[in-house]
Structure formats: C-alpha cells, structure tokens
Amino acid sequence: MYNQFKSVSLSHRNAPLAIREKLALNEAEAKSMMLRLKDFFDISDVLAVSTCNRTEIYYSAATDLNEEIIKLLLIEKGISDIESFRAYFEEFSDGEGAVQHLFQVATGLQSQVVGDMQIPNQIKHAYQWSADLNMAGPFLHRLLHTIFFANKRVAQETFFRDGAASVSYAAVELLEGLMPNPKILVVGLGEIGTDVCRNLSQNTDADVTIINRTHSKAETLGAELGFRIADFADIESEISRADIIVSSIQRDEPFFTKEMMVRLRGMSFKYFIDLAVPRSVSPEVEEVPGVMLYTIDSIRSKADEALQRRLESVPHVEEIINEAVVEFNDWSREMIVSPTIQKLKGALEQIRKEELTRFTKNLSDTELEKVERITSSMMQKILKLPVLQLKAACKRGEAETLIDVLNDLFNLEKQKESH
C-alpha cells in the first residue's frame, strides 16, 4: 500500500492566483470529486485538499493515475485547455514522495506563509470528508494520525506557530486585541484584503462587512464566508457603523481623509488599519478626536519578526517530520507481513485445536482449562521469534524472502485455502 500512494498538486509554488482560483474546491465539490474518482478508478485512501493556495488529490492505486485524475479535475471545473493547465501541476508517483509532501503541507512547511496555522485544520476537514465517504482506509487513517501527532509536537516543541507571520494575519491579530466583538469594515478585496477576510472567518465573534468597487467580487466572497456585503456608494454610512476599518484600496491618493472624518462628526471611537501601498488612509485622520491609525509598516515589522522565528525553527520541524516518517514507514512495512503473521497464527492454532481434540476427551473441565492455558502460552512463545524476525526483516527490506520461507515451511497458502 505504501508504494501505491500517489498525489497531484497545484499550488502557489507553480501556479498564479488566477489559475489556483479556477481549480479551488469547496466542500461539496471536493466530495463530488472524490465520488467521481471512486466511480472511474480502482482507488482507495482518497484525500482532496483545497485551500486558497493549493488544490491536491492524494490516493492509493496499483497504477499511476495522475494524468487521468488531472484531466478529470479540469473537466469537472469546466476547463477545456487541459494541456496548458496540466503544466501547473506537480506530480508524486511514488509513496515516499507523496507521504513526505503531505507531511510538509500539513505542518505548514509548504505554505505561502511558512507555518500557516490554518493548514492543519484544513487537512483535518479534508480527512473528515474522506472518512464521511468511507474512502479512508487503514493506510490513510494511520498516516493522518501520525501527521496530527507530529503537528502537536511542532506546536509544543518549536516556535514554528508563534506570532502572525503574514501581514494579513498580523492585521487580524491586531484588531482582535483592540476590542471585544467589534464591527469590522473591510474595504478593498485585492489579494491582501481577501486574505484578511479569510483569516477573519476563523473568528466566529466578528461582525464583518465587506465593500469592494467591483460589487460582484464582494458578493462571491461574502457568500463563501458568510459576511455582510455593502455597496461602495454607502461607504460613509458603513464607516459610521463600524468600530474598525481595514483598508487595502489601491489608489494614488489616500481615500480616507481628515475632511471625510470631520464630515462624519458625531462618530464613535474608530480604528483604521491601512494595509495599502501607497497609503489609503491619510495620517491626518488621527488629528480627529477618537480616531486611531495603524499603518502597514508597524504591522509588517511584527510579521517579519514572527516569520524570522518560524524560519529559525524549520530545522527542528524537519527533524520532527523525519522521525514521524520513519515511524510511519516502519508501520507500513509491517503491514506487508501482517497477512503472513495472521496465516501463521491460524496454522498453529489449527494444529493446537486438532491435537487437543485428540487427547483431551477424558479430561475434567478444570484439567481442560489448564491444558488450554498451557498450550496457548506455548503457541505464543513459538510465534514470538518468527514475528520479531519478520518485523526486523521489514526494516531491512528483506521481508519478502522470509515470507516465502514461512509459506514453504508451514504450507501457509494451502492452509489459507483449506481454512
């Protein structure tokens, strides 16, 4: 099963945002895609991962189905130019590469912002979808739980998850500390504004309204995240309503000015967080009583410090991953010999029962119980050495030879047929 695990990946490493957003999968689409894969191919252990930065399919199959899966994904998303889009995909056709890649993705090593704290939850959601559809077998269950344990070690033993390492996340961390349950207005839905909204969606207490000059973009994002939408023409009334205004409007001159704030006199206390370059909020707004301004420079400085701490933790994170991969590899190899161990146990148990039937007819219940206990203990001791040798052979990559020897010595294949 280990060597049959494979994956296809489209991510920020190889594809621009315009391409990634065409292939993003929501929960319903991810589940539909997995069911389609099950209908078309002989596969198991299917995992569909989709975030704003990546869309990936992991699966187990005896043959390499990467090309067919990419085509099916593109067709499902209504894309006809298959050859052009396929160039953006990264493929892992062997178990070692696919397993290592999933570990790195799930821990945040492959994230656009190193150590992204959202990715473990997104992997858990994908795992839940797979389990809901009965498409997660023992291999995937064990792999994901090993990854979750490694993630727990990363959080406990390193600084890899400390602080806000992206400007958008640092902005959200800042505004969450300004006041409880604020009314937040996000103006401008470029890449950074959209990232702020996605990060805010993790905060269930936030009352968020979004505004964008292109209203359709606000409608799409608002429907996805469950945020209130307002028209750009109503921006002054929305400013009056909000406690915190996050702006990433792209223009040459500041949009939010001192004159605008004076015109809106009678406002409650306001915080502005300006994430635009050039600045979209004039520094003079702080001359208006009750208005405070945070600029991108102070936020970026905080994010840079956190990112540096995370980068310094990367070697330790890689060490944790490598230890977890070795542990998982040992388990995977042992799975290869598990059927042989079960057949050997069955063969010895059959011999034990046949002999007991022959020689215990005249024993009392007490005597029979003692004989049962003694012979069961003997069988376990006889099994112990072959089982240990099989597991050791797995680690050396020599399991197949020992399996053949045991099959010949105990005639296990015939034993299986008769059973």
Protein backbone atom coordinates (compact mmCIF):
# COMPACT_ATOMS: atom_id res chain seq x y z
CA MET A 1 0.00 0.00 0.00
CA TYR A 2 2.86 2.40 0.81
CA ASN A 3 4.30 2.19 -2.72
CA GLN A 4 0.81 2.69 -4.19
CA PHE A 5 0.25 6.09 -2.54
CA LYS A 6 0.41 9.00 -5.01
CA SER A 7 -0.73 12.60 -5.43
CA VAL A 8 -1.19 15.54 -7.79
CA SER A 9 -0.69 19.08 -6.55
CA LEU A 10 -1.47 22.56 -7.85
CA SER A 11 -0.14 25.24 -5.50
CA HIS A 12 1.29 28.74 -5.17
CA ARG A 13 4.73 27.27 -5.87
CA ASN A 14 3.87 26.63 -9.53
CA ALA A 15 0.60 28.43 -10.31
CA PRO A 16 -0.51 32.10 -10.03
CA LEU A 17 -3.64 33.06 -8.12
CA ALA A 18 -5.66 33.40 -11.35
CA ILE A 19 -5.04 29.71 -12.07
CA ARG A 20 -5.45 28.48 -8.48
CA GLU A 21 -8.84 30.08 -8.01
CA LYS A 22 -10.19 28.33 -11.14
CA LEU A 23 -9.41 24.94 -9.55
CA ALA A 24 -10.37 25.60 -5.94
CA LEU A 25 -12.86 23.10 -4.46
CA ASN A 26 -15.40 23.86 -1.78
CA GLU A 27 -16.63 21.03 0.48
CA ALA A 28 -19.41 19.92 -1.87
CA GLU A 29 -17.09 19.99 -4.90
CA ALA A 30 -14.34 18.10 -3.05
CA LYS A 31 -16.75 15.35 -2.01
CA SER A 32 -18.21 15.18 -5.52
CA MET A 33 -14.69 14.89 -6.95
CA MET A 34 -13.85 12.02 -4.61
CA LEU A 35 -17.02 10.17 -5.57
CA ARG A 36 -16.19 10.66 -9.24
CA LEU A 37 -12.74 9.21 -8.67
CA LYS A 38 -14.27 6.20 -6.95
CA ASP A 39 -16.67 5.69 -9.88
CA PHE A 40 -13.99 5.94 -12.56
CA PHE A 41 -10.96 4.27 -10.97
CA ASP A 42 -9.96 1.39 -8.72
CA ILE A 43 -8.54 3.53 -5.91
CA SER A 44 -8.69 3.90 -2.13
CA ASP A 45 -7.39 6.25 0.58
CA VAL A 46 -8.58 9.32 -1.32
CA LEU A 47 -7.93 12.77 0.18
CA ALA A 48 -8.97 16.03 -1.57
CA VAL A 49 -7.24 19.09 -0.10
CA SER A 50 -8.27 22.57 -1.29
CA THR A 51 -7.24 25.94 0.19
CA CYS A 52 -6.73 29.40 -1.29
CA ASN A 53 -3.15 28.38 -2.08
CA ARG A 54 -3.49 24.78 -3.25
CA THR A 55 -5.68 22.04 -4.68
CA GLU A 56 -4.36 18.49 -4.22
CA ILE A 57 -5.61 14.93 -4.63
CA TYR A 58 -3.97 12.05 -2.73
CA TYR A 59 -4.87 8.43 -3.45
CA SER A 60 -3.71 4.81 -3.41
CA ALA A 61 -3.81 2.75 -6.62
CA ALA A 62 -1.83 -0.07 -8.18
CA THR A 63 -1.17 2.05 -11.31
CA ASP A 64 -0.20 5.68 -11.84
CA LEU A 65 -3.45 7.58 -12.44
CA ASN A 66 -2.04 11.10 -12.09
CA GLU A 67 -2.67 12.11 -15.70
CA GLU A 68 -6.24 10.79 -15.67
CA ILE A 69 -7.01 12.46 -12.32
CA ILE A 70 -5.71 15.84 -13.52
CA LYS A 71 -7.87 15.57 -16.65
CA LEU A 72 -10.94 14.64 -14.60
CA LEU A 73 -10.37 17.55 -12.21
CA LEU A 74 -10.03 20.01 -15.10
CA ILE A 75 -13.14 18.66 -16.82
CA GLU A 76 -15.12 18.85 -13.57
CA LYS A 77 -14.12 22.54 -13.27
CA GLY A 78 -15.17 23.23 -16.86
CA ILE A 79 -11.64 23.74 -18.23
CA SER A 80 -11.05 22.53 -21.79
CA ASP A 81 -7.42 23.66 -22.25
CA ILE A 82 -6.08 20.58 -20.47
CA GLU A 83 -2.51 20.64 -21.79
CA SER A 84 -1.87 24.26 -20.74
CA PHE A 85 -3.26 23.75 -17.24
CA ARG A 86 -1.52 20.43 -16.68
CA ALA A 87 1.84 22.23 -16.77
CA TYR A 88 0.96 23.88 -13.45
CA PHE A 89 0.62 20.54 -11.62
CA GLU A 90 3.29 18.82 -9.57
CA GLU A 91 3.05 15.02 -9.53
CA PHE A 92 4.20 12.47 -6.95
CA SER A 93 4.12 8.95 -8.39
CA ASP A 94 5.78 7.07 -5.51
CA GLY A 95 4.73 6.57 -1.92
CA GLU A 96 7.81 8.11 -0.39
CA GLY A 97 7.41 11.39 -2.29
CA ALA A 98 3.65 11.65 -1.73
CA VAL A 99 3.90 10.89 2.01
CA GLN A 100 6.76 13.37 2.52
CA HIS A 101 4.86 16.05 0.59
CA LEU A 102 1.68 15.60 2.67
CA PHE A 103 3.71 15.86 5.88
CA GLN A 104 5.28 19.12 4.68
CA VAL A 105 1.94 20.56 3.53
CA ALA A 106 0.12 19.61 6.74
CA THR A 107 2.78 21.11 9.01
CA GLY A 108 2.99 24.38 7.06
CA LEU A 109 6.46 23.95 5.54
CA GLN A 110 4.96 24.27 2.05
CA SER A 111 2.65 27.18 2.90
CA GLN A 112 2.94 30.59 1.26
CA VAL A 113 3.38 31.92 4.80
CA VAL A 114 5.69 29.40 6.50
CA GLY A 115 3.98 27.77 9.47
CA ASP A 116 0.47 28.79 8.41
CA MET A 117 -1.76 27.97 11.38
CA GLN A 118 -4.84 27.32 9.25
CA ILE A 119 -3.44 24.42 7.23
CA PRO A 120 -3.71 21.72 9.97
CA ASN A 121 -7.45 22.45 10.32
CA GLN A 122 -7.90 22.40 6.54
CA ILE A 123 -6.22 18.98 6.37
CA LYS A 124 -8.49 17.76 9.18
CA HIS A 125 -11.54 18.91 7.23
CA ALA A 126 -10.34 17.08 4.12
CA TYR A 127 -9.75 13.94 6.22
CA GLN A 128 -13.29 14.20 7.64
CA TRP A 129 -14.73 14.44 4.11
CA SER A 130 -12.81 11.31 3.13
CA ALA A 131 -13.98 9.45 6.24
CA ASP A 132 -17.60 10.57 5.66
CA LEU A 133 -17.49 8.95 2.20
CA ASN A 134 -15.79 5.75 3.51
CA MET A 135 -12.78 6.49 1.31
CA ALA A 136 -10.18 6.49 4.09
CA GLY A 137 -8.67 3.05 4.65
CA PRO A 138 -6.24 1.87 7.38
CA PHE A 139 -3.29 3.37 5.48
CA LEU A 140 -4.75 6.89 5.32
CA HIS A 141 -6.10 6.72 8.88
CA ARG A 142 -2.66 5.84 10.22
CA LEU A 143 -0.90 8.40 8.00
CA LEU A 144 -3.15 11.30 9.05
CA HIS A 145 -2.99 10.46 12.75
CA THR A 146 0.80 10.28 12.54
CA ILE A 147 0.78 13.72 10.88
CA PHE A 148 -1.54 15.16 13.54
CA PHE A 149 0.76 13.87 16.29
CA ALA A 150 3.79 15.40 14.51
CA ASN A 151 1.87 18.70 14.29
CA LYS A 152 1.24 18.56 18.02
CA ARG A 153 4.98 18.11 18.62
CA VAL A 154 5.74 21.05 16.30
CA ALA A 155 3.37 23.29 18.30
CA GLN A 156 4.77 22.16 21.67
CA GLU A 157 8.49 21.93 20.90
CA THR A 158 9.17 24.79 18.44
CA PHE A 159 8.36 28.46 17.72
CA PHE A 160 7.07 27.46 14.27
CA ARG A 161 3.49 28.51 15.03
CA ASP A 162 4.27 31.55 17.17
CA GLY A 163 3.14 35.01 16.15
CA ALA A 164 1.50 36.28 12.98
CA ALA A 165 3.93 35.79 10.10
CA SER A 166 1.82 37.32 7.31
CA VAL A 167 0.69 40.92 7.06
CA SER A 168 -2.97 39.92 6.72
CA TYR A 169 -2.83 37.58 9.72
CA ALA A 170 -0.88 40.14 11.77
CA ALA A 171 -3.59 42.69 10.97
CA VAL A 172 -6.30 40.29 12.18
CA GLU A 173 -4.30 39.52 15.32
CA LEU A 174 -4.01 43.26 15.95
CA LEU A 175 -7.70 44.06 15.51
CA GLU A 176 -8.76 41.10 17.66
CA GLY A 177 -6.85 42.75 20.52
CA LEU A 178 -8.37 46.19 20.08
CA MET A 179 -11.86 45.49 21.49
CA PRO A 180 -14.24 42.59 22.13
CA ASN A 181 -16.81 41.72 19.44
CA PRO A 182 -16.10 44.68 17.14
CA LYS A 183 -17.98 45.68 13.99
CA ILE A 184 -15.36 45.40 11.26
CA LEU A 185 -15.50 47.00 7.82
CA VAL A 186 -13.08 45.61 5.19
CA VAL A 187 -12.68 47.93 2.20
CA GLY A 188 -10.92 46.58 -0.90
CA LEU A 189 -10.74 42.90 -1.83
CA GLY A 190 -7.41 42.56 -3.56
CA GLU A 191 -5.16 39.69 -2.50
CA ILE A 192 -4.34 41.12 0.93
CA GLY A 193 -7.93 42.23 1.62
CA THR A 194 -9.22 38.79 0.65
CA ASP A 195 -6.63 37.16 2.92
CA VAL A 196 -7.77 39.35 5.80
CA CYS A 197 -11.37 38.22 5.22
CA ARG A 198 -10.39 34.55 5.15
CA ASN A 199 -8.44 34.97 8.38
CA LEU A 200 -11.38 36.82 9.94
CA SER A 201 -13.69 33.97 9.01
CA GLN A 202 -11.88 31.87 11.63
CA ASN A 203 -13.17 34.32 14.29
CA THR A 204 -16.82 33.44 14.93
CA ASP A 205 -17.34 36.55 17.13
CA ALA A 206 -16.53 39.05 14.39
CA ASP A 207 -19.31 41.11 12.77
CA VAL A 208 -17.74 41.70 9.35
CA THR A 209 -18.96 43.83 6.45
CA ILE A 210 -17.11 43.87 3.13
CA ILE A 211 -17.07 46.53 0.42
CA ASN A 212 -15.40 46.45 -2.98
CA ARG A 213 -15.67 48.67 -6.05
CA THR A 214 -16.46 45.54 -8.08
CA HIS A 215 -19.61 44.52 -6.23
CA SER A 216 -19.74 41.02 -7.73
CA LYS A 217 -16.40 40.13 -6.10
CA ALA A 218 -17.76 41.19 -2.71
CA GLU A 219 -20.90 39.13 -3.29
CA THR A 220 -18.89 36.00 -4.14
CA LEU A 221 -16.57 36.27 -1.12
CA GLY A 222 -19.42 37.28 1.19
CA ALA A 223 -21.45 34.24 0.17
CA GLU A 224 -18.45 31.96 0.73
CA LEU A 225 -17.53 33.33 4.18
CA GLY A 226 -20.98 34.37 5.40
CA PHE A 227 -20.09 38.09 5.68
CA ARG A 228 -22.42 41.06 5.25
CA ILE A 229 -21.99 42.97 1.97
CA ALA A 230 -22.45 46.71 1.38
CA ASP A 231 -22.36 48.95 -1.69
CA PHE A 232 -19.37 51.21 -2.25
CA ALA A 233 -21.81 54.13 -2.61
CA ASP A 234 -22.81 53.63 1.05
CA ILE A 235 -19.26 53.68 2.39
CA GLU A 236 -19.69 56.74 4.64
CA SER A 237 -22.68 55.26 6.47
CA GLU A 238 -20.75 51.98 6.80
CA ILE A 239 -17.78 53.86 8.32
CA SER A 240 -20.16 55.37 10.88
CA ARG A 241 -21.48 51.90 11.72
CA ALA A 242 -18.05 50.22 12.07
CA ASP A 243 -15.66 50.15 15.02
CA ILE A 244 -12.63 49.07 12.94
CA ILE A 245 -11.97 49.86 9.28
CA VAL A 246 -9.42 47.71 7.43
CA SER A 247 -8.44 49.30 4.11
CA SER A 248 -6.41 47.88 1.23
CA ILE A 249 -7.75 50.18 -1.51
CA GLN A 250 -5.27 50.62 -4.35
CA ARG A 251 -5.07 54.28 -5.48
CA ASP A 252 -2.50 57.06 -5.78
CA GLU A 253 -4.00 59.34 -3.11
CA PRO A 254 -5.46 58.48 0.32
CA PHE A 255 -9.16 57.64 0.14
CA PHE A 256 -9.88 58.14 3.85
CA THR A 257 -9.05 61.74 4.74
CA LYS A 258 -9.30 64.10 7.69
CA GLU A 259 -12.02 66.01 5.83
CA MET A 260 -14.10 62.83 5.49
CA MET A 261 -13.78 62.11 9.21
CA VAL A 262 -14.75 65.68 10.12
CA ARG A 263 -17.75 65.42 7.80
CA LEU A 264 -18.79 62.29 9.68
CA ARG A 265 -18.68 64.11 13.03
CA GLY A 266 -20.56 62.50 15.85
CA MET A 267 -18.85 59.15 15.19
CA SER A 268 -17.97 56.73 17.93
CA PHE A 269 -14.31 55.82 18.53
CA LYS A 270 -12.70 54.45 15.31
CA TYR A 271 -9.63 52.39 14.49
CA PHE A 272 -8.15 52.40 10.98
CA ILE A 273 -5.79 49.66 9.78
CA ASP A 274 -4.19 50.72 6.50
CA LEU A 275 -2.73 47.81 4.51
CA ALA A 276 -2.38 49.62 1.19
CA VAL A 277 0.76 50.82 -0.59
CA PRO A 278 0.57 53.73 -1.38
CA ARG A 279 -1.34 54.58 1.78
CA SER A 280 -5.13 54.68 1.52
CA VAL A 281 -5.67 56.42 4.88
CA SER A 282 -4.22 59.89 5.42
CA PRO A 283 -2.06 60.21 8.57
CA GLU A 284 -4.03 63.38 9.34
CA VAL A 285 -7.12 61.33 10.32
CA GLU A 286 -5.54 60.93 13.76
CA GLU A 287 -5.99 64.69 14.27
CA VAL A 288 -9.71 63.98 14.57
CA PRO A 289 -10.60 63.15 18.19
CA GLY A 290 -11.42 59.48 18.67
CA VAL A 291 -9.60 58.22 15.54
CA MET A 292 -6.52 55.96 15.71
CA LEU A 293 -4.47 54.72 12.75
CA TYR A 294 -2.23 51.65 12.35
CA THR A 295 -0.07 51.54 9.21
CA ILE A 296 1.29 48.61 7.23
CA ASP A 297 4.86 49.37 8.36
CA SER A 298 4.18 48.59 12.02
CA ILE A 299 2.16 45.51 11.09
CA ARG A 300 4.79 44.26 8.63
CA SER A 301 7.54 44.71 11.24
CA LYS A 302 5.61 42.48 13.64
CA ALA A 303 5.02 39.91 10.90
CA ASP A 304 8.71 39.91 9.87
CA GLU A 305 9.81 39.21 13.46
CA ALA A 306 7.39 36.27 13.71
CA LEU A 307 8.47 34.94 10.32
CA GLN A 308 12.12 35.03 11.35
CA ARG A 309 11.36 32.99 14.48
CA ARG A 310 9.49 30.47 12.33
CA LEU A 311 12.32 30.18 9.81
CA GLU A 312 14.79 29.52 12.63
CA SER A 313 12.53 26.64 13.75
CA VAL A 314 12.45 24.94 10.32
CA PRO A 315 15.38 22.52 11.01
CA HIS A 316 13.67 21.29 14.20
CA VAL A 317 10.35 20.91 12.35
CA GLU A 318 12.07 18.90 9.61
CA GLU A 319 13.64 16.68 12.27
CA ILE A 320 10.21 16.00 13.81
CA ILE A 321 8.78 15.21 10.36
CA ASN A 322 11.64 12.84 9.53
CA GLU A 323 11.16 10.96 12.81
CA ALA A 324 7.42 10.66 12.15
CA VAL A 325 8.01 9.48 8.56
CA VAL A 326 10.42 6.78 9.77
CA GLU A 327 7.83 5.60 12.31
CA PHE A 328 5.11 5.55 9.65
CA ASN A 329 7.38 3.73 7.18
CA ASP A 330 8.08 1.03 9.77
CA TRP A 331 4.34 0.57 10.33
CA SER A 332 3.69 0.46 6.56
CA ARG A 333 6.30 -2.22 6.02
CA GLU A 334 4.90 -4.26 8.90
CA MET A 335 1.52 -4.12 7.19
CA ILE A 336 3.09 -6.12 4.35
CA VAL A 337 3.87 -9.04 6.68
CA SER A 338 0.66 -8.80 8.72
CA PRO A 339 -1.25 -11.29 6.50
CA THR A 340 1.61 -13.81 6.81
CA ILE A 341 1.64 -13.43 10.59
CA GLN A 342 -2.12 -14.00 10.72
CA LYS A 343 -1.86 -17.09 8.48
CA LEU A 344 0.96 -18.48 10.66
CA LYS A 345 -1.10 -17.90 13.80
CA GLY A 346 -4.07 -19.59 12.14
CA ALA A 347 -1.98 -22.62 11.09
CA LEU A 348 -0.55 -23.12 14.58
CA GLU A 349 -3.93 -22.57 16.22
CA GLN A 350 -5.47 -25.21 13.97
CA ILE A 351 -2.76 -27.72 14.92
CA ARG A 352 -3.25 -26.91 18.61
CA LYS A 353 -7.01 -27.43 18.46
CA GLU A 354 -6.75 -30.67 16.47
CA GLU A 355 -4.31 -32.13 18.99
CA LEU A 356 -6.42 -31.00 21.94
CA THR A 357 -9.46 -32.70 20.40
CA ARG A 358 -7.48 -35.94 20.10
CA PHE A 359 -6.07 -36.09 23.63
CA THR A 360 -8.43 -34.28 26.00
CA LYS A 361 -11.65 -36.23 25.68
CA ASN A 362 -11.43 -37.71 29.17
CA LEU A 363 -10.22 -34.57 30.98
CA SER A 364 -12.30 -32.69 33.52
CA ASP A 365 -13.23 -29.06 32.90
CA THR A 366 -10.54 -27.88 35.31
CA GLU A 367 -7.88 -30.03 33.64
CA LEU A 368 -9.02 -28.92 30.17
CA GLU A 369 -8.76 -25.26 31.21
CA LYS A 370 -5.16 -25.82 32.39
CA VAL A 371 -4.20 -27.58 29.16
CA GLU A 372 -5.80 -24.77 27.12
CA ARG A 373 -3.80 -22.18 29.04
CA ILE A 374 -0.52 -24.10 28.74
CA THR A 375 -0.81 -24.85 25.02
CA SER A 376 -1.91 -21.25 24.22
CA SER A 377 1.12 -19.93 26.10
CA MET A 378 3.42 -22.36 24.23
CA MET A 379 1.96 -21.25 20.89
CA GLN A 380 2.54 -17.57 21.71
CA LYS A 381 6.17 -18.27 22.60
CA ILE A 382 6.69 -20.28 19.40
CA LEU A 383 5.22 -17.37 17.39
CA LYS A 384 7.23 -14.66 19.10
CA LEU A 385 10.56 -15.23 17.32
CA PRO A 386 9.17 -15.55 13.75
CA VAL A 387 7.08 -12.39 14.28
CA LEU A 388 10.09 -10.43 15.59
CA GLN A 389 12.22 -11.70 12.72
CA LEU A 390 9.54 -10.69 10.19
CA LYS A 391 9.34 -7.17 11.62
CA ALA A 392 13.13 -6.85 11.65
CA ALA A 393 13.25 -8.08 8.04
CA CYS A 394 10.74 -5.34 7.14
CA LYS A 395 13.11 -2.65 8.35
CA ARG A 396 15.95 -4.23 6.35
CA GLY A 397 13.78 -4.52 3.25
CA GLU A 398 14.08 -8.34 3.28
CA ALA A 399 10.54 -9.26 4.29
CA GLU A 400 9.59 -10.99 1.03
CA THR A 401 12.33 -13.61 1.40
CA LEU A 402 11.26 -14.53 4.92
CA ILE A 403 7.58 -14.58 3.90
CA ASP A 404 8.42 -17.13 1.18
CA VAL A 405 10.35 -19.28 3.67
CA LEU A 406 7.48 -19.31 6.17
CA ASN A 407 4.95 -20.06 3.43
CA ASP A 408 7.04 -23.08 2.35
CA LEU A 409 7.79 -24.32 5.89
CA PHE A 410 4.19 -24.21 7.11
CA ASN A 411 2.41 -24.57 3.75
CA LEU A 412 0.51 -21.37 4.55
CA GLU A 413 -1.07 -20.88 1.14
CA LYS A 414 -2.68 -24.34 1.31
CA GLN A 415 -3.62 -23.63 4.91
CA LYS A 416 -5.42 -20.47 3.79
CA GLU A 417 -7.34 -22.34 1.07
CA SER A 418 -8.47 -25.13 3.38
CA HIS A 419 -9.48 -22.59 6.00
